[in-house]
Amino acid sequence: MAKRWFIRKHLQAGIKQAVLILASVVALYPVFWLVATAFKDNAQYRENIFFFSWPLKYTSFIQSVTQGKFGLWFTNSFILTFGSVLICTVIALFAAFAFAHMRFRGKDFLFNVLISIMVIPVVILIVPLFILFIRTKLMATHIGLIIIYSAVTLPFSVYLLTNFFKTSPVEMLEAGIIDGCSNLKILTRIILPISGPPIATLIVVNALWVWNELLLALVFLPKDNLRTLMVGITVFKNKFNLDIPVTMAGLLITTLPMVVLYIIFQKFFIRGLTAGSVKG
C-alpha cells in the first residue's frame, strides 16, 4: 500500500513538472525564435527558420536602424512613454491619497466608478475620441496621444496606489497631523518616501504598455514623422517586402529599453505588485 502511494505521489509530481516544462517551452520559444531570426540574413532564414544559424549575422540590425526612420520613431516612442507615464503617475499619486486618507462625499462611489472603467475596452473609445480630437485639433499631435495614454493607464494606477496608501502606518500620519503638516506635506514627506515599490511598479507596467501600444498610435498619429517605433516597424515590413530577419532585429532592439527599465526597478517590482494586498 505504501509503495503504491509512493509511486502515485511521484507520478503526479512528474506529470506536474512535465506540464510546467511544456508550458515554459511554449511561452519562451517565441522569444528564442525572435533572437535567433534577428541574427540571420535572408538566405540563412530560408534554410533554417526555427533555430540559430552559423555564423551569426549582424546585417539585419544595421539595416533595421539605417533603413526607414528608426531614430525618429525611437524618439517619438520615448516622448509618448515619458510624457504619459509622468502625467499619469503624478495625477494618480494625488488621487490615491485623496481616496485613501481624505473624507469627501461620494468617495466610495467615485472609486467604484474608477475601478469599473478598467474593464472598458480601449477599442470602443477610438471613434468618439477620433471625432473629438478632430474638432479640438489634437489629431496627429504628441500631446493628444499622451492625454489618451494617461487616461487609459490612470484607473489601474489609482487603484494600486490607493490600496498601498491605505496600509500606510497610521502613527506616522497622526504624527504629521500633530506637527501641523498639510495634506500635501503628508503626501510628499511621509507617504512618498515609503512608496517606492508601487510607484516603480506603475512606471514599469505603464511604460511597457505605452511603449508597445500599436492601435491608438496607428490611428491618432497618421503622419510619417510622428510614428512610434512599433508603428514604424509595422510599416517597415510593408515597405521592404517582409524582410523577416530585419523586422525581428528591429523588434529585438525595440524591447531593449523596456528590459533595461525592468532591470533598474526589478527589486521594487515584485514588492510593488503585492503592495496593499495584505493590510499590516
C-alpha atoms as a PDB file:
ATOM      1  CA  MET A   1       0.000   0.000   0.000  1.00  0.00           C
ATOM      2  CA  ALA A   2       2.772   2.373   0.948  1.00  0.00           C
ATOM      3  CA  LYS A   3       4.659   1.522  -2.235  1.00  0.00           C
ATOM      4  CA  ARG A   4       1.590   2.249  -4.368  1.00  0.00           C
ATOM      5  CA  TRP A   5       1.117   5.601  -2.612  1.00  0.00           C
ATOM      6  CA  PHE A   6       4.803   6.422  -3.178  1.00  0.00           C
ATOM      7  CA  ILE A   7       4.539   5.648  -6.903  1.00  0.00           C
ATOM      8  CA  ARG A   8       1.335   7.666  -7.283  1.00  0.00           C
ATOM      9  CA  LYS A   9       2.864  10.658  -5.492  1.00  0.00           C
ATOM     10  CA  HIS A  10       5.971  10.704  -7.692  1.00  0.00           C
ATOM     11  CA  LEU A  11       3.889  10.111 -10.821  1.00  0.00           C
ATOM     12  CA  GLN A  12       1.714  13.131 -10.037  1.00  0.00           C
ATOM     13  CA  ALA A  13       4.814  15.231  -9.340  1.00  0.00           C
ATOM     14  CA  GLY A  14       6.364  14.097 -12.627  1.00  0.00           C
ATOM     15  CA  ILE A  15       3.219  14.989 -14.594  1.00  0.00           C
ATOM     16  CA  LYS A  16       3.088  18.436 -12.994  1.00  0.00           C
ATOM     17  CA  GLN A  17       6.746  19.071 -13.813  1.00  0.00           C
ATOM     18  CA  ALA A  18       6.247  17.905 -17.395  1.00  0.00           C
ATOM     19  CA  VAL A  19       3.268  20.242 -17.816  1.00  0.00           C
ATOM     20  CA  LEU A  20       5.258  23.159 -16.368  1.00  0.00           C
ATOM     21  CA  ILE A  21       8.234  22.419 -18.615  1.00  0.00           C
ATOM     22  CA  LEU A  22       5.970  22.227 -21.667  1.00  0.00           C
ATOM     23  CA  ALA A  23       4.243  25.489 -20.745  1.00  0.00           C
ATOM     24  CA  SER A  24       7.634  27.173 -20.253  1.00  0.00           C
ATOM     25  CA  VAL A  25       8.852  25.988 -23.651  1.00  0.00           C
ATOM     26  CA  VAL A  26       5.673  27.228 -25.350  1.00  0.00           C
ATOM     27  CA  ALA A  27       5.971  30.613 -23.594  1.00  0.00           C
ATOM     28  CA  LEU A  28       9.707  31.120 -24.173  1.00  0.00           C
ATOM     29  CA  TYR A  29      10.141  29.732 -27.680  1.00  0.00           C
ATOM     30  CA  PRO A  30       8.753  32.877 -29.437  1.00  0.00           C
ATOM     31  CA  VAL A  31      11.437  34.909 -27.658  1.00  0.00           C
ATOM     32  CA  PHE A  32      14.081  32.363 -28.652  1.00  0.00           C
ATOM     33  CA  TRP A  33      12.817  32.431 -32.255  1.00  0.00           C
ATOM     34  CA  LEU A  34      12.894  36.246 -32.362  1.00  0.00           C
ATOM     35  CA  VAL A  35      16.516  36.340 -31.151  1.00  0.00           C
ATOM     36  CA  ALA A  36      17.586  33.506 -33.462  1.00  0.00           C
ATOM     37  CA  THR A  37      15.959  35.116 -36.512  1.00  0.00           C
ATOM     38  CA  ALA A  38      17.440  38.551 -35.752  1.00  0.00           C
ATOM     39  CA  PHE A  39      20.957  37.110 -36.146  1.00  0.00           C
ATOM     40  CA  LYS A  40      20.337  35.756 -39.663  1.00  0.00           C
ATOM     41  CA  ASP A  41      20.254  37.103 -43.166  1.00  0.00           C
ATOM     42  CA  ASN A  42      17.561  36.184 -45.683  1.00  0.00           C
ATOM     43  CA  ALA A  43      19.481  33.215 -47.089  1.00  0.00           C
ATOM     44  CA  GLN A  44      20.023  31.700 -43.637  1.00  0.00           C
ATOM     45  CA  TYR A  45      16.386  32.310 -42.721  1.00  0.00           C
ATOM     46  CA  ARG A  46      15.155  30.407 -45.768  1.00  0.00           C
ATOM     47  CA  GLU A  47      17.443  27.481 -44.973  1.00  0.00           C
ATOM     48  CA  ASN A  48      16.714  27.305 -41.227  1.00  0.00           C
ATOM     49  CA  ILE A  49      13.571  29.005 -39.947  1.00  0.00           C
ATOM     50  CA  PHE A  50      13.304  27.676 -36.414  1.00  0.00           C
ATOM     51  CA  PHE A  51      16.795  27.758 -34.848  1.00  0.00           C
ATOM     52  CA  PHE A  52      20.095  29.671 -34.881  1.00  0.00           C
ATOM     53  CA  SER A  53      22.253  29.581 -37.994  1.00  0.00           C
ATOM     54  CA  TRP A  54      26.033  29.839 -38.075  1.00  0.00           C
ATOM     55  CA  PRO A  55      27.853  32.081 -38.463  1.00  0.00           C
ATOM     56  CA  LEU A  56      25.759  34.743 -36.759  1.00  0.00           C
ATOM     57  CA  LYS A  57      24.954  37.715 -38.988  1.00  0.00           C
ATOM     58  CA  TYR A  58      24.579  41.308 -37.804  1.00  0.00           C
ATOM     59  CA  THR A  59      23.499  42.842 -41.095  1.00  0.00           C
ATOM     60  CA  SER A  60      19.824  42.738 -40.116  1.00  0.00           C
ATOM     61  CA  PHE A  61      20.484  45.050 -37.163  1.00  0.00           C
ATOM     62  CA  ILE A  62      22.320  47.521 -39.389  1.00  0.00           C
ATOM     63  CA  GLN A  63      19.521  47.512 -41.947  1.00  0.00           C
ATOM     64  CA  SER A  64      16.789  47.906 -39.323  1.00  0.00           C
ATOM     65  CA  VAL A  65      18.494  51.006 -37.930  1.00  0.00           C
ATOM     66  CA  THR A  66      19.609  52.621 -41.195  1.00  0.00           C
ATOM     67  CA  GLN A  67      16.514  51.946 -43.320  1.00  0.00           C
ATOM     68  CA  GLY A  68      13.358  53.898 -42.566  1.00  0.00           C
ATOM     69  CA  LYS A  69      13.373  56.489 -39.756  1.00  0.00           C
ATOM     70  CA  PHE A  70      14.383  54.353 -36.810  1.00  0.00           C
ATOM     71  CA  GLY A  71      15.916  57.198 -34.789  1.00  0.00           C
ATOM     72  CA  LEU A  72      12.860  59.423 -35.242  1.00  0.00           C
ATOM     73  CA  TRP A  73      10.482  56.589 -34.367  1.00  0.00           C
ATOM     74  CA  PHE A  74      12.513  55.814 -31.253  1.00  0.00           C
ATOM     75  CA  THR A  75      12.384  59.468 -30.185  1.00  0.00           C
ATOM     76  CA  ASN A  76       8.612  59.620 -30.694  1.00  0.00           C
ATOM     77  CA  SER A  77       8.111  56.488 -28.597  1.00  0.00           C
ATOM     78  CA  PHE A  78      10.289  57.922 -25.838  1.00  0.00           C
ATOM     79  CA  ILE A  79       8.374  61.219 -25.800  1.00  0.00           C
ATOM     80  CA  LEU A  80       4.995  59.487 -25.604  1.00  0.00           C
ATOM     81  CA  THR A  81       6.126  56.984 -22.966  1.00  0.00           C
ATOM     82  CA  PHE A  82       7.883  59.506 -20.746  1.00  0.00           C
ATOM     83  CA  GLY A  83       5.125  62.110 -21.004  1.00  0.00           C
ATOM     84  CA  SER A  84       2.188  59.784 -20.384  1.00  0.00           C
ATOM     85  CA  VAL A  85       3.857  57.867 -17.543  1.00  0.00           C
ATOM     86  CA  LEU A  86       4.900  61.116 -15.832  1.00  0.00           C
ATOM     87  CA  ILE A  87       1.439  62.698 -16.070  1.00  0.00           C
ATOM     88  CA  CYS A  88      -0.361  59.514 -15.042  1.00  0.00           C
ATOM     89  CA  THR A  89       1.909  58.917 -12.044  1.00  0.00           C
ATOM     90  CA  VAL A  90       1.586  62.467 -10.709  1.00  0.00           C
ATOM     91  CA  ILE A  91      -2.215  62.522 -11.033  1.00  0.00           C
ATOM     92  CA  ALA A  92      -2.507  59.010  -9.575  1.00  0.00           C
ATOM     93  CA  LEU A  93      -0.466  59.985  -6.506  1.00  0.00           C
ATOM     94  CA  PHE A  94      -2.799  62.862  -5.603  1.00  0.00           C
ATOM     95  CA  ALA A  95      -5.969  60.925  -6.431  1.00  0.00           C
ATOM     96  CA  ALA A  96      -4.893  57.822  -4.491  1.00  0.00           C
ATOM     97  CA  PHE A  97      -4.013  59.909  -1.434  1.00  0.00           C
ATOM     98  CA  ALA A  98      -7.455  61.530  -1.556  1.00  0.00           C
ATOM     99  CA  PHE A  99      -9.227  58.169  -1.822  1.00  0.00           C
ATOM    100  CA  ALA A 100      -7.098  56.597   0.924  1.00  0.00           C
ATOM    101  CA  HIS A 101      -6.872  59.316   3.578  1.00  0.00           C
ATOM    102  CA  MET A 102      -9.365  62.096   2.883  1.00  0.00           C
ATOM    103  CA  ARG A 103     -13.093  62.238   3.557  1.00  0.00           C
ATOM    104  CA  PHE A 104     -15.456  63.702   0.996  1.00  0.00           C
ATOM    105  CA  ARG A 105     -18.942  62.989  -0.247  1.00  0.00           C
ATOM    106  CA  GLY A 106     -19.235  60.299  -2.891  1.00  0.00           C
ATOM    107  CA  LYS A 107     -15.731  58.919  -2.351  1.00  0.00           C
ATOM    108  CA  ASP A 108     -16.734  55.257  -2.470  1.00  0.00           C
ATOM    109  CA  PHE A 109     -18.970  55.814  -5.494  1.00  0.00           C
ATOM    110  CA  LEU A 110     -16.229  57.586  -7.443  1.00  0.00           C
ATOM    111  CA  PHE A 111     -13.706  54.898  -6.560  1.00  0.00           C
ATOM    112  CA  ASN A 112     -16.057  52.148  -7.732  1.00  0.00           C
ATOM    113  CA  VAL A 113     -16.692  54.040 -10.986  1.00  0.00           C
ATOM    114  CA  LEU A 114     -12.942  54.363 -11.472  1.00  0.00           C
ATOM    115  CA  ILE A 115     -12.465  50.628 -10.981  1.00  0.00           C
ATOM    116  CA  SER A 116     -15.290  49.834 -13.421  1.00  0.00           C
ATOM    117  CA  ILE A 117     -13.589  51.948 -16.100  1.00  0.00           C
ATOM    118  CA  MET A 118     -10.723  49.445 -16.179  1.00  0.00           C
ATOM    119  CA  VAL A 119     -12.955  46.837 -17.852  1.00  0.00           C
ATOM    120  CA  ILE A 120     -13.905  49.126 -20.769  1.00  0.00           C
ATOM    121  CA  PRO A 121     -12.015  48.090 -23.937  1.00  0.00           C
ATOM    122  CA  VAL A 122      -9.941  50.858 -25.473  1.00  0.00           C
ATOM    123  CA  VAL A 123     -11.204  49.891 -28.937  1.00  0.00           C
ATOM    124  CA  ILE A 124     -14.726  51.227 -28.327  1.00  0.00           C
ATOM    125  CA  LEU A 125     -13.308  54.662 -27.460  1.00  0.00           C
ATOM    126  CA  ILE A 126     -11.484  55.138 -30.746  1.00  0.00           C
ATOM    127  CA  VAL A 127     -14.371  56.561 -32.786  1.00  0.00           C
ATOM    128  CA  PRO A 128     -15.592  59.154 -30.223  1.00  0.00           C
ATOM    129  CA  LEU A 129     -12.011  60.150 -29.432  1.00  0.00           C
ATOM    130  CA  PHE A 130     -11.237  60.464 -33.139  1.00  0.00           C
ATOM    131  CA  ILE A 131     -14.186  62.848 -33.647  1.00  0.00           C
ATOM    132  CA  LEU A 132     -13.290  64.803 -30.507  1.00  0.00           C
ATOM    133  CA  PHE A 133      -9.644  65.181 -31.486  1.00  0.00           C
ATOM    134  CA  ILE A 134     -10.556  66.334 -34.993  1.00  0.00           C
ATOM    135  CA  ARG A 135     -12.736  69.088 -33.538  1.00  0.00           C
ATOM    136  CA  THR A 136     -10.193  70.121 -30.899  1.00  0.00           C
ATOM    137  CA  LYS A 137      -7.264  69.923 -33.351  1.00  0.00           C
ATOM    138  CA  LEU A 138      -5.429  67.392 -31.202  1.00  0.00           C
ATOM    139  CA  MET A 139      -5.314  64.860 -34.017  1.00  0.00           C
ATOM    140  CA  ALA A 140      -1.794  63.968 -35.195  1.00  0.00           C
ATOM    141  CA  THR A 141      -0.125  65.535 -32.140  1.00  0.00           C
ATOM    142  CA  HIS A 142       2.004  64.025 -29.422  1.00  0.00           C
ATOM    143  CA  ILE A 143       0.117  65.843 -26.684  1.00  0.00           C
ATOM    144  CA  GLY A 144      -3.177  64.370 -27.856  1.00  0.00           C
ATOM    145  CA  LEU A 145      -1.950  60.781 -27.661  1.00  0.00           C
ATOM    146  CA  ILE A 146      -0.221  61.481 -24.341  1.00  0.00           C
ATOM    147  CA  ILE A 147      -3.598  62.565 -22.942  1.00  0.00           C
ATOM    148  CA  ILE A 148      -5.205  59.327 -24.163  1.00  0.00           C
ATOM    149  CA  TYR A 149      -2.422  57.133 -22.777  1.00  0.00           C
ATOM    150  CA  SER A 150      -2.540  58.942 -19.426  1.00  0.00           C
ATOM    151  CA  ALA A 151      -6.310  58.488 -19.198  1.00  0.00           C
ATOM    152  CA  VAL A 152      -6.159  54.797 -20.116  1.00  0.00           C
ATOM    153  CA  THR A 153      -3.462  53.949 -17.559  1.00  0.00           C
ATOM    154  CA  LEU A 154      -4.859  56.168 -14.786  1.00  0.00           C
ATOM    155  CA  PRO A 155      -7.588  53.866 -13.324  1.00  0.00           C
ATOM    156  CA  PHE A 156      -5.215  50.975 -12.618  1.00  0.00           C
ATOM    157  CA  SER A 157      -2.609  53.381 -11.254  1.00  0.00           C
ATOM    158  CA  VAL A 158      -5.054  54.986  -8.825  1.00  0.00           C
ATOM    159  CA  TYR A 159      -6.359  51.585  -7.745  1.00  0.00           C
ATOM    160  CA  LEU A 160      -2.893  50.193  -6.998  1.00  0.00           C
ATOM    161  CA  LEU A 161      -1.664  53.272  -5.142  1.00  0.00           C
ATOM    162  CA  THR A 162      -4.893  53.624  -3.143  1.00  0.00           C
ATOM    163  CA  ASN A 163      -4.577  50.084  -1.801  1.00  0.00           C
ATOM    164  CA  PHE A 164      -0.968  50.738  -0.850  1.00  0.00           C
ATOM    165  CA  PHE A 165      -1.650  54.113   0.780  1.00  0.00           C
ATOM    166  CA  LYS A 166      -4.355  52.512   2.937  1.00  0.00           C
ATOM    167  CA  THR A 167      -1.669  50.326   4.514  1.00  0.00           C
ATOM    168  CA  SER A 168       0.484  53.313   5.492  1.00  0.00           C
ATOM    169  CA  PRO A 169       1.251  53.380   9.253  1.00  0.00           C
ATOM    170  CA  VAL A 170      -1.462  55.387  10.983  1.00  0.00           C
ATOM    171  CA  GLU A 171       1.005  56.526  13.645  1.00  0.00           C
ATOM    172  CA  MET A 172       3.148  58.302  11.071  1.00  0.00           C
ATOM    173  CA  LEU A 173       0.140  60.097   9.600  1.00  0.00           C
ATOM    174  CA  GLU A 174      -1.107  61.161  13.037  1.00  0.00           C
ATOM    175  CA  ALA A 175       2.349  62.423  13.939  1.00  0.00           C
ATOM    176  CA  GLY A 176       2.386  64.527  10.779  1.00  0.00           C
ATOM    177  CA  ILE A 177      -1.032  65.980  11.585  1.00  0.00           C
ATOM    178  CA  ILE A 178       0.068  66.817  15.148  1.00  0.00           C
ATOM    179  CA  ASP A 179       3.150  68.556  13.758  1.00  0.00           C
ATOM    180  CA  GLY A 180       0.863  70.740  11.645  1.00  0.00           C
ATOM    181  CA  CYS A 181       1.593  69.180   8.248  1.00  0.00           C
ATOM    182  CA  SER A 182      -0.847  69.878   5.460  1.00  0.00           C
ATOM    183  CA  ASN A 183      -2.182  67.103   3.251  1.00  0.00           C
ATOM    184  CA  LEU A 184       0.411  67.994   0.614  1.00  0.00           C
ATOM    185  CA  LYS A 185       3.271  67.734   3.120  1.00  0.00           C
ATOM    186  CA  ILE A 186       1.932  64.425   4.454  1.00  0.00           C
ATOM    187  CA  LEU A 187       1.904  63.081   0.902  1.00  0.00           C
ATOM    188  CA  THR A 188       5.339  64.359  -0.095  1.00  0.00           C
ATOM    189  CA  ARG A 189       7.225  63.896   3.188  1.00  0.00           C
ATOM    190  CA  ILE A 190       5.594  60.825   4.728  1.00  0.00           C
ATOM    191  CA  ILE A 191       3.796  58.777   2.072  1.00  0.00           C
ATOM    192  CA  LEU A 192       6.124  59.150  -0.913  1.00  0.00           C
ATOM    193  CA  PRO A 193       9.357  58.091   0.854  1.00  0.00           C
ATOM    194  CA  ILE A 194       7.797  54.692   1.684  1.00  0.00           C
ATOM    195  CA  SER A 195       6.017  54.255  -1.663  1.00  0.00           C
ATOM    196  CA  GLY A 196       8.957  53.246  -3.829  1.00  0.00           C
ATOM    197  CA  PRO A 197       7.730  49.710  -4.723  1.00  0.00           C
ATOM    198  CA  PRO A 198       4.239  50.615  -6.026  1.00  0.00           C
ATOM    199  CA  ILE A 199       5.499  53.692  -7.869  1.00  0.00           C
ATOM    200  CA  ALA A 200       8.243  51.642  -9.513  1.00  0.00           C
ATOM    201  CA  THR A 201       5.647  49.048 -10.476  1.00  0.00           C
ATOM    202  CA  LEU A 202       3.472  51.713 -12.090  1.00  0.00           C
ATOM    203  CA  ILE A 203       6.396  53.101 -14.038  1.00  0.00           C
ATOM    204  CA  VAL A 204       7.362  49.668 -15.389  1.00  0.00           C
ATOM    205  CA  VAL A 205       3.827  48.440 -16.178  1.00  0.00           C
ATOM    206  CA  ASN A 206       2.585  51.695 -17.729  1.00  0.00           C
ATOM    207  CA  ALA A 207       5.789  52.330 -19.664  1.00  0.00           C
ATOM    208  CA  LEU A 208       5.710  48.785 -21.032  1.00  0.00           C
ATOM    209  CA  TRP A 209       2.102  49.195 -22.209  1.00  0.00           C
ATOM    210  CA  VAL A 210       2.638  52.601 -23.802  1.00  0.00           C
ATOM    211  CA  TRP A 211       5.909  51.583 -25.462  1.00  0.00           C
ATOM    212  CA  ASN A 212       4.346  48.508 -27.077  1.00  0.00           C
ATOM    213  CA  GLU A 213       0.941  50.038 -27.895  1.00  0.00           C
ATOM    214  CA  LEU A 214       0.100  49.901 -31.586  1.00  0.00           C
ATOM    215  CA  LEU A 215      -3.578  50.557 -32.329  1.00  0.00           C
ATOM    216  CA  LEU A 216      -4.001  54.036 -30.824  1.00  0.00           C
ATOM    217  CA  ALA A 217      -0.654  55.211 -32.193  1.00  0.00           C
ATOM    218  CA  LEU A 218      -1.594  53.938 -35.645  1.00  0.00           C
ATOM    219  CA  VAL A 219      -4.943  55.777 -35.614  1.00  0.00           C
ATOM    220  CA  PHE A 220      -4.061  59.062 -33.918  1.00  0.00           C
ATOM    221  CA  LEU A 221      -0.563  59.610 -35.375  1.00  0.00           C
ATOM    222  CA  PRO A 222      -1.073  59.106 -39.129  1.00  0.00           C
ATOM    223  CA  LYS A 223       1.857  61.304 -40.199  1.00  0.00           C
ATOM    224  CA  ASP A 224       5.107  59.538 -41.000  1.00  0.00           C
ATOM    225  CA  ASN A 225       7.243  61.874 -38.857  1.00  0.00           C
ATOM    226  CA  LEU A 226       5.046  61.205 -35.782  1.00  0.00           C
ATOM    227  CA  ARG A 227       5.025  57.400 -35.889  1.00  0.00           C
ATOM    228  CA  THR A 228       6.146  55.400 -32.898  1.00  0.00           C
ATOM    229  CA  LEU A 229       8.688  52.622 -33.038  1.00  0.00           C
ATOM    230  CA  MET A 230       6.076  49.863 -33.038  1.00  0.00           C
ATOM    231  CA  VAL A 231       4.054  51.515 -35.813  1.00  0.00           C
ATOM    232  CA  GLY A 232       7.198  52.267 -37.781  1.00  0.00           C
ATOM    233  CA  ILE A 233       8.331  48.649 -37.680  1.00  0.00           C
ATOM    234  CA  THR A 234       4.878  47.522 -38.808  1.00  0.00           C
ATOM    235  CA  VAL A 235       5.008  49.887 -41.798  1.00  0.00           C
ATOM    236  CA  PHE A 236       8.634  48.922 -42.294  1.00  0.00           C
ATOM    237  CA  LYS A 237       7.535  45.340 -43.034  1.00  0.00           C
ATOM    238  CA  ASN A 238       5.198  46.519 -45.771  1.00  0.00           C
ATOM    239  CA  LYS A 239       7.713  48.808 -47.429  1.00  0.00           C
ATOM    240  CA  PHE A 240      10.642  46.427 -47.553  1.00  0.00           C
ATOM    241  CA  ASN A 241       8.964  43.226 -48.727  1.00  0.00           C
ATOM    242  CA  LEU A 242       8.609  41.408 -45.413  1.00  0.00           C
ATOM    243  CA  ASP A 243      12.291  41.019 -44.660  1.00  0.00           C
ATOM    244  CA  ILE A 244      11.721  38.840 -41.598  1.00  0.00           C
ATOM    245  CA  PRO A 245      15.287  38.944 -40.134  1.00  0.00           C
ATOM    246  CA  VAL A 246      15.386  42.748 -40.428  1.00  0.00           C
ATOM    247  CA  THR A 247      11.967  43.041 -38.801  1.00  0.00           C
ATOM    248  CA  MET A 248      12.940  40.718 -35.944  1.00  0.00           C
ATOM    249  CA  ALA A 249      16.163  42.674 -35.437  1.00  0.00           C
ATOM    250  CA  GLY A 250      14.127  45.861 -35.176  1.00  0.00           C
ATOM    251  CA  LEU A 251      11.752  44.256 -32.683  1.00  0.00           C
ATOM    252  CA  LEU A 252      14.676  42.979 -30.612  1.00  0.00           C
ATOM    253  CA  ILE A 253      16.155  46.476 -30.452  1.00  0.00           C
ATOM    254  CA  THR A 254      12.706  47.807 -29.543  1.00  0.00           C
ATOM    255  CA  THR A 255      12.488  45.529 -26.492  1.00  0.00           C
ATOM    256  CA  LEU A 256      15.850  46.569 -25.054  1.00  0.00           C
ATOM    257  CA  PRO A 257      14.721  49.846 -23.381  1.00  0.00           C
ATOM    258  CA  MET A 258      11.943  48.029 -21.509  1.00  0.00           C
ATOM    259  CA  VAL A 259      14.323  45.264 -20.460  1.00  0.00           C
ATOM    260  CA  VAL A 260      16.721  47.895 -19.092  1.00  0.00           C
ATOM    261  CA  LEU A 261      13.839  49.639 -17.310  1.00  0.00           C
ATOM    262  CA  TYR A 262      12.761  46.381 -15.671  1.00  0.00           C
ATOM    263  CA  ILE A 263      16.332  45.593 -14.581  1.00  0.00           C
ATOM    264  CA  ILE A 264      16.591  49.025 -12.947  1.00  0.00           C
ATOM    265  CA  PHE A 265      13.348  48.631 -10.985  1.00  0.00           C
ATOM    266  CA  GLN A 266      13.262  44.846 -10.554  1.00  0.00           C
ATOM    267  CA  LYS A 267      13.948  44.891  -6.806  1.00  0.00           C
ATOM    268  CA  PHE A 268      10.835  47.030  -6.317  1.00  0.00           C
ATOM    269  CA  PHE A 269       8.660  45.341  -8.931  1.00  0.00           C
ATOM    270  CA  ILE A 270       7.508  42.205  -7.077  1.00  0.00           C
ATOM    271  CA  ARG A 271       7.002  44.108  -3.832  1.00  0.00           C
ATOM    272  CA  GLY A 272       5.003  46.699  -5.703  1.00  0.00           C
ATOM    273  CA  LEU A 273       2.706  44.106  -7.283  1.00  0.00           C
ATOM    274  CA  THR A 274       1.795  42.723  -3.857  1.00  0.00           C
ATOM    275  CA  ALA A 275       1.716  46.097  -2.103  1.00  0.00           C
ATOM    276  CA  GLY A 276      -1.588  46.716  -0.409  1.00  0.00           C
ATOM    277  CA  SER A 277      -2.805  43.138  -0.829  1.00  0.00           C
ATOM    278  CA  VAL A 278      -2.298  42.444   2.876  1.00  0.00           C
ATOM    279  CA  LYS A 279      -3.046  45.070   5.450  1.00  0.00           C
ATOM    280  CA  GLY A 280      -0.463  45.206   8.189  1.00  0.00           C
END
